[in-house]
Amino acid sequence: MMMRALSIALVLPLLAPTAHANCDALFTHQATISQAVVVGSNRDTAYQITQRVDPSRVQIKPETLALSETECLPKAKAAEALATLYFYLDQTQMTPASERQLNALAPQLANQKNIQLVGHADSQGNHAYNLNLGLARANATKSKLLGLGVRGKIQVDSRGDSKPVQSNLDAQGRAANRRVEIYLN
């Protein structure tokens, strides 16, 4: 089934630091959204569903944009993940959709100087085990990035099961918590 891409043009007023007098103009950002990915699970096996995007339900938050100290280009705030990759239960193997996402993202990461990978786990297992599993997922992601030609400094860390993004009470929430987040420092 062929999916049509829809384009959303955003015009956001961004106020610049005083050192950048020419930056208090309007910046136009365009995003092309063709599909949405939903993470779910069935009997503790992760899967991802790709579906059409309803344009009336797309929300982009202007507060996620910030100005760099040295240039007048918008960039993501440091505290927000550039990407989130999902993994199978108790494994360091990422889902096929996350593998494709990482392959597509690698060329953009190739010129980055500092990349941080933070591994996470669901709450099954004890805390020490989940810390090690999160770290193993981050290291597996680092190995894949190195294999894809990313040569910047790549730091790995783990939060184990301490930072869930969804409830660990059901399989779908646990699947969403089995992840590695990519940050740019």
N, C-alpha and C. Protein backbone atom coordinates (compact mmCIF):
# COMPACT_ATOMS: atom_id res chain seq x y z
N MET A 1 0.85 -1.16 0.00
CA MET A 1 0.00 0.00 0.00
C MET A 1 0.90 1.24 0.00
N MET A 2 0.67 2.15 -0.92
CA MET A 2 1.46 3.37 -1.06
C MET A 2 0.96 4.42 -0.08
N MET A 3 1.88 5.04 0.66
CA MET A 3 1.51 6.10 1.59
C MET A 3 1.91 7.44 1.00
N ARG A 4 1.02 8.41 1.08
CA ARG A 4 1.34 9.75 0.62
C ARG A 4 1.98 10.52 1.76
N ALA A 5 2.97 11.30 1.43
CA ALA A 5 3.60 12.14 2.44
C ALA A 5 2.83 13.45 2.54
N LEU A 6 2.69 13.96 3.74
CA LEU A 6 2.07 15.26 3.89
C LEU A 6 3.09 16.22 4.43
N SER A 7 3.02 17.45 3.99
CA SER A 7 3.99 18.46 4.41
C SER A 7 3.33 19.44 5.35
N ILE A 8 4.08 19.84 6.35
CA ILE A 8 3.60 20.82 7.31
C ILE A 8 4.64 21.92 7.36
N ALA A 9 4.25 23.11 7.05
CA ALA A 9 5.18 24.24 7.13
C ALA A 9 4.91 25.00 8.42
N LEU A 10 5.94 25.26 9.17
CA LEU A 10 5.82 25.99 10.43
C LEU A 10 6.57 27.30 10.30
N VAL A 11 5.99 28.37 10.75
CA VAL A 11 6.70 29.65 10.82
C VAL A 11 6.74 30.02 12.30
N LEU A 12 7.94 29.99 12.86
CA LEU A 12 8.10 30.22 14.29
C LEU A 12 8.97 31.45 14.52
N PRO A 13 8.51 32.42 15.30
CA PRO A 13 9.39 33.54 15.65
C PRO A 13 10.39 33.09 16.71
N LEU A 14 11.67 33.20 16.42
CA LEU A 14 12.70 32.81 17.36
C LEU A 14 13.48 34.05 17.75
N LEU A 15 13.53 34.38 19.02
CA LEU A 15 14.26 35.54 19.48
C LEU A 15 15.70 35.16 19.71
N ALA A 16 16.59 35.94 19.20
CA ALA A 16 18.01 35.62 19.26
C ALA A 16 18.68 36.31 20.44
N PRO A 17 19.83 35.79 20.86
CA PRO A 17 20.63 36.50 21.85
C PRO A 17 21.08 37.84 21.26
N THR A 18 21.39 38.83 22.08
CA THR A 18 21.74 40.16 21.58
C THR A 18 22.98 40.13 20.69
N ALA A 19 23.86 39.19 20.86
CA ALA A 19 25.05 39.10 20.02
C ALA A 19 24.71 38.75 18.58
N HIS A 20 23.50 38.27 18.35
CA HIS A 20 23.09 37.86 17.01
C HIS A 20 21.90 38.70 16.58
N ALA A 21 22.16 39.96 16.25
CA ALA A 21 21.09 40.90 15.93
C ALA A 21 20.28 40.47 14.72
N ASN A 22 20.86 39.73 13.79
CA ASN A 22 20.13 39.33 12.59
C ASN A 22 19.27 38.09 12.80
N CYS A 23 19.28 37.54 13.97
CA CYS A 23 18.55 36.30 14.21
C CYS A 23 17.13 36.50 14.70
N ASP A 24 16.69 37.73 14.89
CA ASP A 24 15.33 37.92 15.38
C ASP A 24 14.34 37.99 14.22
N ALA A 25 14.56 37.17 13.22
CA ALA A 25 13.69 37.08 12.05
C ALA A 25 12.82 35.84 12.18
N LEU A 26 11.96 35.65 11.21
CA LEU A 26 11.15 34.44 11.20
C LEU A 26 11.92 33.34 10.48
N PHE A 27 11.95 32.19 11.10
CA PHE A 27 12.55 31.02 10.48
C PHE A 27 11.41 30.14 10.00
N THR A 28 11.56 29.56 8.83
CA THR A 28 10.55 28.65 8.31
C THR A 28 11.11 27.24 8.39
N HIS A 29 10.38 26.35 9.04
CA HIS A 29 10.78 24.95 9.17
C HIS A 29 9.76 24.10 8.45
N GLN A 30 10.21 23.15 7.70
CA GLN A 30 9.27 22.27 7.01
C GLN A 30 9.57 20.83 7.41
N ALA A 31 8.52 20.11 7.76
CA ALA A 31 8.65 18.70 8.12
C ALA A 31 7.75 17.89 7.20
N THR A 32 8.28 16.81 6.69
CA THR A 32 7.46 15.91 5.89
C THR A 32 7.19 14.67 6.74
N ILE A 33 5.94 14.41 6.98
CA ILE A 33 5.54 13.28 7.81
C ILE A 33 4.72 12.34 6.96
N SER A 34 5.17 11.10 6.86
CA SER A 34 4.44 10.15 6.03
C SER A 34 3.90 8.98 6.81
N GLN A 35 4.45 8.74 7.99
CA GLN A 35 3.99 7.59 8.75
C GLN A 35 4.24 7.80 10.23
N ALA A 36 3.52 7.09 11.04
CA ALA A 36 3.71 7.12 12.48
C ALA A 36 4.09 5.71 12.92
N VAL A 37 4.90 5.61 13.95
CA VAL A 37 5.30 4.31 14.47
C VAL A 37 4.73 4.16 15.87
N VAL A 38 4.04 3.07 16.11
CA VAL A 38 3.47 2.76 17.41
C VAL A 38 4.18 1.51 17.92
N VAL A 39 4.65 1.56 19.15
CA VAL A 39 5.32 0.40 19.72
C VAL A 39 4.29 -0.39 20.52
N GLY A 40 4.28 -1.67 20.31
CA GLY A 40 3.37 -2.54 21.05
C GLY A 40 4.03 -3.87 21.30
N SER A 41 3.31 -4.76 21.94
CA SER A 41 3.87 -6.09 22.17
C SER A 41 2.75 -7.10 22.26
N ASN A 42 3.13 -8.32 22.07
CA ASN A 42 2.22 -9.45 22.17
C ASN A 42 2.99 -10.56 22.86
N ARG A 43 2.58 -10.90 24.05
CA ARG A 43 3.28 -11.94 24.83
C ARG A 43 4.77 -11.64 24.95
N ASP A 44 5.07 -10.38 25.30
CA ASP A 44 6.43 -9.91 25.54
C ASP A 44 7.32 -9.93 24.31
N THR A 45 6.76 -9.93 23.12
CA THR A 45 7.52 -9.76 21.90
C THR A 45 7.20 -8.37 21.36
N ALA A 46 8.22 -7.56 21.15
CA ALA A 46 7.99 -6.19 20.68
C ALA A 46 7.67 -6.19 19.20
N TYR A 47 6.81 -5.29 18.80
CA TYR A 47 6.55 -5.06 17.39
C TYR A 47 6.24 -3.59 17.20
N GLN A 48 6.36 -3.14 15.98
CA GLN A 48 6.06 -1.76 15.67
C GLN A 48 5.03 -1.74 14.55
N ILE A 49 4.07 -0.87 14.69
CA ILE A 49 3.02 -0.72 13.69
C ILE A 49 3.26 0.61 12.98
N THR A 50 3.30 0.58 11.67
CA THR A 50 3.44 1.79 10.89
C THR A 50 2.09 2.11 10.27
N GLN A 51 1.62 3.32 10.45
CA GLN A 51 0.30 3.67 9.94
C GLN A 51 0.29 5.09 9.40
N ARG A 52 -0.76 5.41 8.64
CA ARG A 52 -0.90 6.75 8.08
C ARG A 52 -1.06 7.78 9.20
N VAL A 53 -0.65 8.99 8.91
CA VAL A 53 -0.75 10.08 9.88
C VAL A 53 -1.97 10.93 9.54
N ASP A 54 -2.78 11.21 10.54
CA ASP A 54 -3.92 12.12 10.40
C ASP A 54 -3.39 13.53 10.62
N PRO A 55 -3.40 14.40 9.59
CA PRO A 55 -2.80 15.73 9.73
C PRO A 55 -3.40 16.56 10.86
N SER A 56 -4.63 16.32 11.21
CA SER A 56 -5.25 17.11 12.28
C SER A 56 -4.72 16.73 13.66
N ARG A 57 -4.01 15.60 13.75
CA ARG A 57 -3.50 15.15 15.04
C ARG A 57 -2.01 15.38 15.22
N VAL A 58 -1.34 15.98 14.23
CA VAL A 58 0.09 16.25 14.32
C VAL A 58 0.30 17.50 15.15
N GLN A 59 1.19 17.39 16.14
CA GLN A 59 1.52 18.54 16.98
C GLN A 59 3.03 18.67 17.06
N ILE A 60 3.51 19.84 16.76
CA ILE A 60 4.94 20.12 16.89
C ILE A 60 5.05 21.27 17.87
N LYS A 61 5.87 21.08 18.89
CA LYS A 61 5.97 22.07 19.96
C LYS A 61 7.09 23.06 19.66
N PRO A 62 6.76 24.35 19.53
CA PRO A 62 7.79 25.35 19.25
C PRO A 62 8.84 25.44 20.34
N GLU A 63 8.50 25.10 21.59
CA GLU A 63 9.47 25.22 22.67
C GLU A 63 10.60 24.20 22.57
N THR A 64 10.50 23.24 21.64
CA THR A 64 11.59 22.28 21.47
C THR A 64 12.70 22.84 20.61
N LEU A 65 12.54 24.06 20.11
CA LEU A 65 13.59 24.71 19.33
C LEU A 65 14.33 25.70 20.20
N ALA A 66 15.62 25.80 20.00
CA ALA A 66 16.43 26.77 20.74
C ALA A 66 17.48 27.31 19.78
N LEU A 67 18.06 28.43 20.13
CA LEU A 67 19.13 28.99 19.30
C LEU A 67 20.47 28.60 19.87
N SER A 68 21.37 28.29 18.99
CA SER A 68 22.73 27.98 19.37
C SER A 68 23.40 29.25 19.88
N GLU A 69 24.36 29.10 20.78
CA GLU A 69 25.09 30.25 21.29
C GLU A 69 25.98 30.87 20.21
N THR A 70 26.41 30.07 19.24
CA THR A 70 27.39 30.55 18.27
C THR A 70 26.84 30.78 16.88
N GLU A 71 25.60 30.39 16.62
CA GLU A 71 25.06 30.58 15.29
C GLU A 71 23.56 30.81 15.35
N CYS A 72 23.01 31.30 14.29
CA CYS A 72 21.59 31.63 14.25
C CYS A 72 20.80 30.52 13.58
N LEU A 73 21.03 29.30 13.97
CA LEU A 73 20.30 28.17 13.43
C LEU A 73 19.58 27.47 14.56
N PRO A 74 18.32 27.07 14.36
CA PRO A 74 17.64 26.35 15.43
C PRO A 74 18.24 24.95 15.59
N LYS A 75 18.26 24.49 16.83
CA LYS A 75 18.72 23.14 17.10
C LYS A 75 17.88 22.56 18.24
N ALA A 76 17.88 21.26 18.36
CA ALA A 76 17.11 20.61 19.42
C ALA A 76 17.76 20.93 20.76
N LYS A 77 16.97 21.11 21.79
CA LYS A 77 17.49 21.31 23.13
C LYS A 77 18.24 20.05 23.55
N ALA A 78 19.27 20.23 24.34
CA ALA A 78 20.12 19.11 24.73
C ALA A 78 19.36 18.03 25.50
N ALA A 79 18.32 18.41 26.23
CA ALA A 79 17.63 17.46 27.08
C ALA A 79 16.68 16.54 26.31
N GLU A 80 16.46 16.78 25.04
CA GLU A 80 15.52 15.98 24.28
C GLU A 80 16.26 14.98 23.40
N ALA A 81 15.78 13.76 23.38
CA ALA A 81 16.41 12.72 22.57
C ALA A 81 16.23 13.02 21.10
N LEU A 82 17.29 12.84 20.34
CA LEU A 82 17.24 12.99 18.89
C LEU A 82 16.44 11.83 18.30
N ALA A 83 16.61 10.64 18.87
CA ALA A 83 15.91 9.45 18.37
C ALA A 83 15.78 8.45 19.51
N THR A 84 14.79 7.58 19.38
CA THR A 84 14.59 6.49 20.33
C THR A 84 14.50 5.19 19.54
N LEU A 85 15.31 4.22 19.95
CA LEU A 85 15.36 2.92 19.29
C LEU A 85 14.80 1.88 20.26
N TYR A 86 14.04 0.92 19.73
CA TYR A 86 13.37 -0.06 20.58
C TYR A 86 13.99 -1.45 20.41
N PHE A 87 13.91 -2.25 21.49
CA PHE A 87 14.58 -3.54 21.55
C PHE A 87 13.61 -4.64 21.95
N TYR A 88 13.99 -5.86 21.61
CA TYR A 88 13.21 -7.02 22.00
C TYR A 88 13.42 -7.32 23.49
N LEU A 89 12.50 -8.04 24.07
CA LEU A 89 12.53 -8.41 25.48
C LEU A 89 13.84 -9.12 25.82
N ASP A 90 14.52 -8.59 26.84
CA ASP A 90 15.73 -9.21 27.39
C ASP A 90 16.81 -9.44 26.34
N GLN A 91 16.88 -8.55 25.34
CA GLN A 91 17.87 -8.70 24.27
C GLN A 91 18.53 -7.37 23.95
N THR A 92 19.66 -7.47 23.25
CA THR A 92 20.33 -6.29 22.74
C THR A 92 20.06 -6.11 21.25
N GLN A 93 19.15 -6.89 20.72
CA GLN A 93 18.77 -6.77 19.31
C GLN A 93 17.60 -5.79 19.18
N MET A 94 17.80 -4.77 18.33
CA MET A 94 16.72 -3.80 18.15
C MET A 94 15.71 -4.31 17.14
N THR A 95 14.53 -3.74 17.19
CA THR A 95 13.46 -4.13 16.27
C THR A 95 13.86 -3.72 14.86
N PRO A 96 13.30 -4.37 13.84
CA PRO A 96 13.64 -4.01 12.46
C PRO A 96 13.37 -2.54 12.13
N ALA A 97 12.28 -1.98 12.60
CA ALA A 97 11.98 -0.57 12.33
C ALA A 97 13.03 0.34 12.97
N SER A 98 13.49 0.00 14.17
CA SER A 98 14.53 0.80 14.82
C SER A 98 15.86 0.65 14.09
N GLU A 99 16.13 -0.53 13.58
CA GLU A 99 17.35 -0.77 12.78
C GLU A 99 17.35 0.13 11.54
N ARG A 100 16.20 0.21 10.86
CA ARG A 100 16.08 1.08 9.69
C ARG A 100 16.24 2.55 10.09
N GLN A 101 15.66 2.92 11.23
CA GLN A 101 15.78 4.30 11.72
C GLN A 101 17.24 4.65 11.98
N LEU A 102 17.98 3.75 12.60
CA LEU A 102 19.38 4.00 12.90
C LEU A 102 20.20 4.10 11.61
N ASN A 103 19.93 3.23 10.64
CA ASN A 103 20.63 3.29 9.36
C ASN A 103 20.39 4.62 8.66
N ALA A 104 19.17 5.14 8.74
CA ALA A 104 18.84 6.42 8.10
C ALA A 104 19.47 7.59 8.86
N LEU A 105 19.62 7.46 10.15
CA LEU A 105 20.14 8.53 10.99
C LEU A 105 21.67 8.61 10.96
N ALA A 106 22.35 7.51 10.68
CA ALA A 106 23.81 7.44 10.75
C ALA A 106 24.52 8.52 9.94
N PRO A 107 24.12 8.81 8.69
CA PRO A 107 24.83 9.87 7.96
C PRO A 107 24.75 11.23 8.65
N GLN A 108 23.66 11.52 9.33
CA GLN A 108 23.52 12.78 10.05
C GLN A 108 24.40 12.80 11.30
N LEU A 109 24.65 11.63 11.87
CA LEU A 109 25.47 11.54 13.08
C LEU A 109 26.96 11.49 12.76
N ALA A 110 27.32 11.23 11.50
CA ALA A 110 28.72 11.03 11.13
C ALA A 110 29.60 12.22 11.47
N ASN A 111 29.06 13.44 11.40
CA ASN A 111 29.86 14.63 11.65
C ASN A 111 29.68 15.20 13.06
N GLN A 112 28.95 14.51 13.90
CA GLN A 112 28.75 14.98 15.28
C GLN A 112 29.97 14.65 16.13
N LYS A 113 30.35 15.58 17.01
CA LYS A 113 31.54 15.35 17.84
C LYS A 113 31.23 14.55 19.09
N ASN A 114 30.05 14.77 19.69
CA ASN A 114 29.69 14.10 20.93
C ASN A 114 28.28 13.54 20.84
N ILE A 115 28.19 12.23 20.95
CA ILE A 115 26.92 11.52 20.91
C ILE A 115 26.79 10.74 22.21
N GLN A 116 25.62 10.80 22.82
CA GLN A 116 25.39 10.02 24.03
C GLN A 116 24.26 9.04 23.78
N LEU A 117 24.49 7.80 24.13
CA LEU A 117 23.50 6.73 24.01
C LEU A 117 23.10 6.30 25.42
N VAL A 118 21.82 6.37 25.72
CA VAL A 118 21.33 6.00 27.05
C VAL A 118 20.40 4.81 26.92
N GLY A 119 20.79 3.69 27.51
CA GLY A 119 20.01 2.47 27.44
C GLY A 119 19.01 2.37 28.58
N HIS A 120 17.87 1.76 28.28
CA HIS A 120 16.80 1.59 29.25
C HIS A 120 16.27 0.16 29.17
N ALA A 121 15.56 -0.24 30.21
CA ALA A 121 14.94 -1.57 30.27
C ALA A 121 13.56 -1.44 30.92
N ASP A 122 12.74 -2.45 30.74
CA ASP A 122 11.47 -2.46 31.47
C ASP A 122 11.74 -2.95 32.89
N SER A 123 10.72 -3.08 33.70
CA SER A 123 10.92 -3.40 35.11
C SER A 123 11.00 -4.89 35.42
N GLN A 124 10.95 -5.73 34.39
CA GLN A 124 11.10 -7.16 34.65
C GLN A 124 12.56 -7.43 34.98
N GLY A 125 12.83 -8.22 35.96
CA GLY A 125 14.19 -8.45 36.42
C GLY A 125 14.55 -7.46 37.51
N ASN A 126 15.68 -7.73 38.18
CA ASN A 126 16.06 -6.81 39.26
C ASN A 126 16.79 -5.59 38.70
N HIS A 127 16.96 -4.58 39.54
CA HIS A 127 17.51 -3.30 39.10
C HIS A 127 18.93 -3.45 38.53
N ALA A 128 19.79 -4.20 39.19
CA ALA A 128 21.17 -4.37 38.72
C ALA A 128 21.19 -5.04 37.34
N TYR A 129 20.36 -6.06 37.16
CA TYR A 129 20.28 -6.73 35.86
C TYR A 129 19.83 -5.74 34.79
N ASN A 130 18.82 -4.93 35.10
CA ASN A 130 18.29 -3.98 34.13
C ASN A 130 19.29 -2.88 33.80
N LEU A 131 20.10 -2.46 34.78
CA LEU A 131 21.18 -1.50 34.49
C LEU A 131 22.16 -2.09 33.49
N ASN A 132 22.55 -3.34 33.71
CA ASN A 132 23.48 -4.01 32.78
C ASN A 132 22.85 -4.21 31.41
N LEU A 133 21.57 -4.55 31.36
CA LEU A 133 20.88 -4.74 30.07
C LEU A 133 20.80 -3.43 29.31
N GLY A 134 20.47 -2.33 30.00
CA GLY A 134 20.43 -1.02 29.35
C GLY A 134 21.80 -0.63 28.79
N LEU A 135 22.85 -0.92 29.56
CA LEU A 135 24.21 -0.62 29.11
C LEU A 135 24.58 -1.49 27.91
N ALA A 136 24.20 -2.75 27.94
CA ALA A 136 24.47 -3.64 26.80
C ALA A 136 23.75 -3.16 25.54
N ARG A 137 22.54 -2.66 25.69
CA ARG A 137 21.80 -2.11 24.54
C ARG A 137 22.49 -0.87 23.99
N ALA A 138 22.95 0.00 24.87
CA ALA A 138 23.67 1.20 24.43
C ALA A 138 24.96 0.82 23.72
N ASN A 139 25.69 -0.16 24.25
CA ASN A 139 26.93 -0.61 23.61
C ASN A 139 26.66 -1.27 22.26
N ALA A 140 25.57 -2.03 22.16
CA ALA A 140 25.21 -2.64 20.87
C ALA A 140 24.89 -1.56 19.84
N THR A 141 24.22 -0.49 20.28
CA THR A 141 23.91 0.62 19.38
C THR A 141 25.19 1.34 18.97
N LYS A 142 26.12 1.51 19.91
CA LYS A 142 27.41 2.14 19.59
C LYS A 142 28.15 1.32 18.54
N SER A 143 28.17 0.00 18.70
CA SER A 143 28.84 -0.87 17.72
C SER A 143 28.24 -0.71 16.34
N LYS A 144 26.91 -0.63 16.28
CA LYS A 144 26.24 -0.45 14.99
C LYS A 144 26.61 0.90 14.37
N LEU A 145 26.63 1.97 15.20
CA LEU A 145 26.99 3.28 14.69
C LEU A 145 28.43 3.30 14.16
N LEU A 146 29.34 2.69 14.88
CA LEU A 146 30.73 2.61 14.42
C LEU A 146 30.81 1.86 13.09
N GLY A 147 30.04 0.79 12.97
CA GLY A 147 29.99 0.03 11.73
C GLY A 147 29.39 0.81 10.57
N LEU A 148 28.58 1.81 10.89
CA LEU A 148 27.96 2.65 9.86
C LEU A 148 28.80 3.91 9.57
N GLY A 149 29.99 4.00 10.15
CA GLY A 149 30.90 5.10 9.83
C GLY A 149 30.82 6.30 10.74
N VAL A 150 30.12 6.22 11.83
CA VAL A 150 30.05 7.35 12.78
C VAL A 150 31.33 7.31 13.61
N ARG A 151 32.10 8.39 13.60
CA ARG A 151 33.41 8.39 14.23
C ARG A 151 33.56 9.38 15.37
N GLY A 152 32.54 10.11 15.74
CA GLY A 152 32.64 11.05 16.85
C GLY A 152 32.78 10.31 18.17
N LYS A 153 32.91 11.07 19.25
CA LYS A 153 32.97 10.49 20.59
C LYS A 153 31.57 10.00 20.94
N ILE A 154 31.44 8.71 21.20
CA ILE A 154 30.15 8.11 21.53
C ILE A 154 30.22 7.62 22.97
N GLN A 155 29.44 8.26 23.84
CA GLN A 155 29.38 7.87 25.25
C GLN A 155 28.18 6.97 25.45
N VAL A 156 28.33 5.95 26.28
CA VAL A 156 27.21 5.06 26.60
C VAL A 156 26.90 5.15 28.08
N ASP A 157 25.62 5.02 28.39
CA ASP A 157 25.17 5.08 29.77
C ASP A 157 23.91 4.23 29.88
N SER A 158 23.50 3.94 31.09
CA SER A 158 22.29 3.17 31.31
C SER A 158 21.49 3.76 32.45
N ARG A 159 20.20 3.75 32.30
CA ARG A 159 19.29 4.13 33.38
C ARG A 159 18.52 2.90 33.87
N GLY A 160 18.77 1.76 33.23
CA GLY A 160 18.07 0.54 33.63
C GLY A 160 16.56 0.73 33.56
N ASP A 161 15.89 0.40 34.64
CA ASP A 161 14.43 0.52 34.69
C ASP A 161 13.98 1.77 35.44
N SER A 162 14.91 2.70 35.71
CA SER A 162 14.59 3.84 36.57
C SER A 162 13.89 5.00 35.86
N LYS A 163 13.85 5.03 34.54
CA LYS A 163 13.24 6.14 33.80
C LYS A 163 12.24 5.63 32.76
N PRO A 164 11.17 4.99 33.18
CA PRO A 164 10.20 4.49 32.20
C PRO A 164 9.46 5.65 31.51
N VAL A 165 9.12 5.45 30.24
CA VAL A 165 8.31 6.45 29.53
C VAL A 165 6.84 6.07 29.55
N GLN A 166 6.56 4.81 29.87
CA GLN A 166 5.19 4.33 30.01
C GLN A 166 5.15 3.37 31.21
N SER A 167 3.95 3.03 31.60
CA SER A 167 3.76 2.12 32.73
C SER A 167 4.32 0.74 32.40
N ASN A 168 4.94 0.12 33.38
CA ASN A 168 5.43 -1.24 33.23
C ASN A 168 4.37 -2.28 33.61
N LEU A 169 3.13 -1.84 33.85
CA LEU A 169 2.08 -2.75 34.28
C LEU A 169 1.49 -3.57 33.13
N ASP A 170 1.72 -3.14 31.88
CA ASP A 170 1.20 -3.93 30.76
C ASP A 170 2.30 -4.12 29.72
N ALA A 171 2.07 -5.07 28.83
CA ALA A 171 3.09 -5.44 27.84
C ALA A 171 3.44 -4.29 26.90
N GLN A 172 2.45 -3.49 26.52
CA GLN A 172 2.72 -2.37 25.62
C GLN A 172 3.63 -1.34 26.27
N GLY A 173 3.38 -1.03 27.53
CA GLY A 173 4.23 -0.09 28.24
C GLY A 173 5.65 -0.62 28.41
N ARG A 174 5.77 -1.91 28.75
CA ARG A 174 7.10 -2.50 28.88
C ARG A 174 7.86 -2.45 27.56
N ALA A 175 7.18 -2.69 26.44
CA ALA A 175 7.83 -2.64 25.13
C ALA A 175 8.37 -1.24 24.85
N ALA A 176 7.63 -0.21 25.23
CA ALA A 176 8.07 1.17 25.01
C ALA A 176 9.26 1.53 25.89
N ASN A 177 9.42 0.85 27.01
CA ASN A 177 10.52 1.14 27.94
C ASN A 177 11.82 0.44 27.57
N ARG A 178 11.76 -0.54 26.69
CA ARG A 178 12.97 -1.24 26.23
C ARG A 178 13.56 -0.45 25.08
N ARG A 179 14.46 0.48 25.40
CA ARG A 179 14.88 1.44 24.39
C ARG A 179 16.30 1.96 24.63
N VAL A 180 16.83 2.60 23.59
CA VAL A 180 18.06 3.42 23.69
C VAL A 180 17.70 4.77 23.12
N GLU A 181 18.04 5.81 23.86
CA GLU A 181 17.81 7.18 23.40
C GLU A 181 19.15 7.77 22.94
N ILE A 182 19.09 8.50 21.83
CA ILE A 182 20.28 9.13 21.27
C ILE A 182 20.21 10.62 21.54
N TYR A 183 21.27 11.16 22.16
CA TYR A 183 21.37 12.59 22.46
C TYR A 183 22.62 13.15 21.81
N LEU A 184 22.56 14.41 21.45
CA LEU A 184 23.74 15.13 20.95
C LEU A 184 24.19 16.08 22.05
N ASN A 185 25.47 16.03 22.39
CA ASN A 185 26.02 16.92 23.44
C ASN A 185 26.75 18.08 22.81
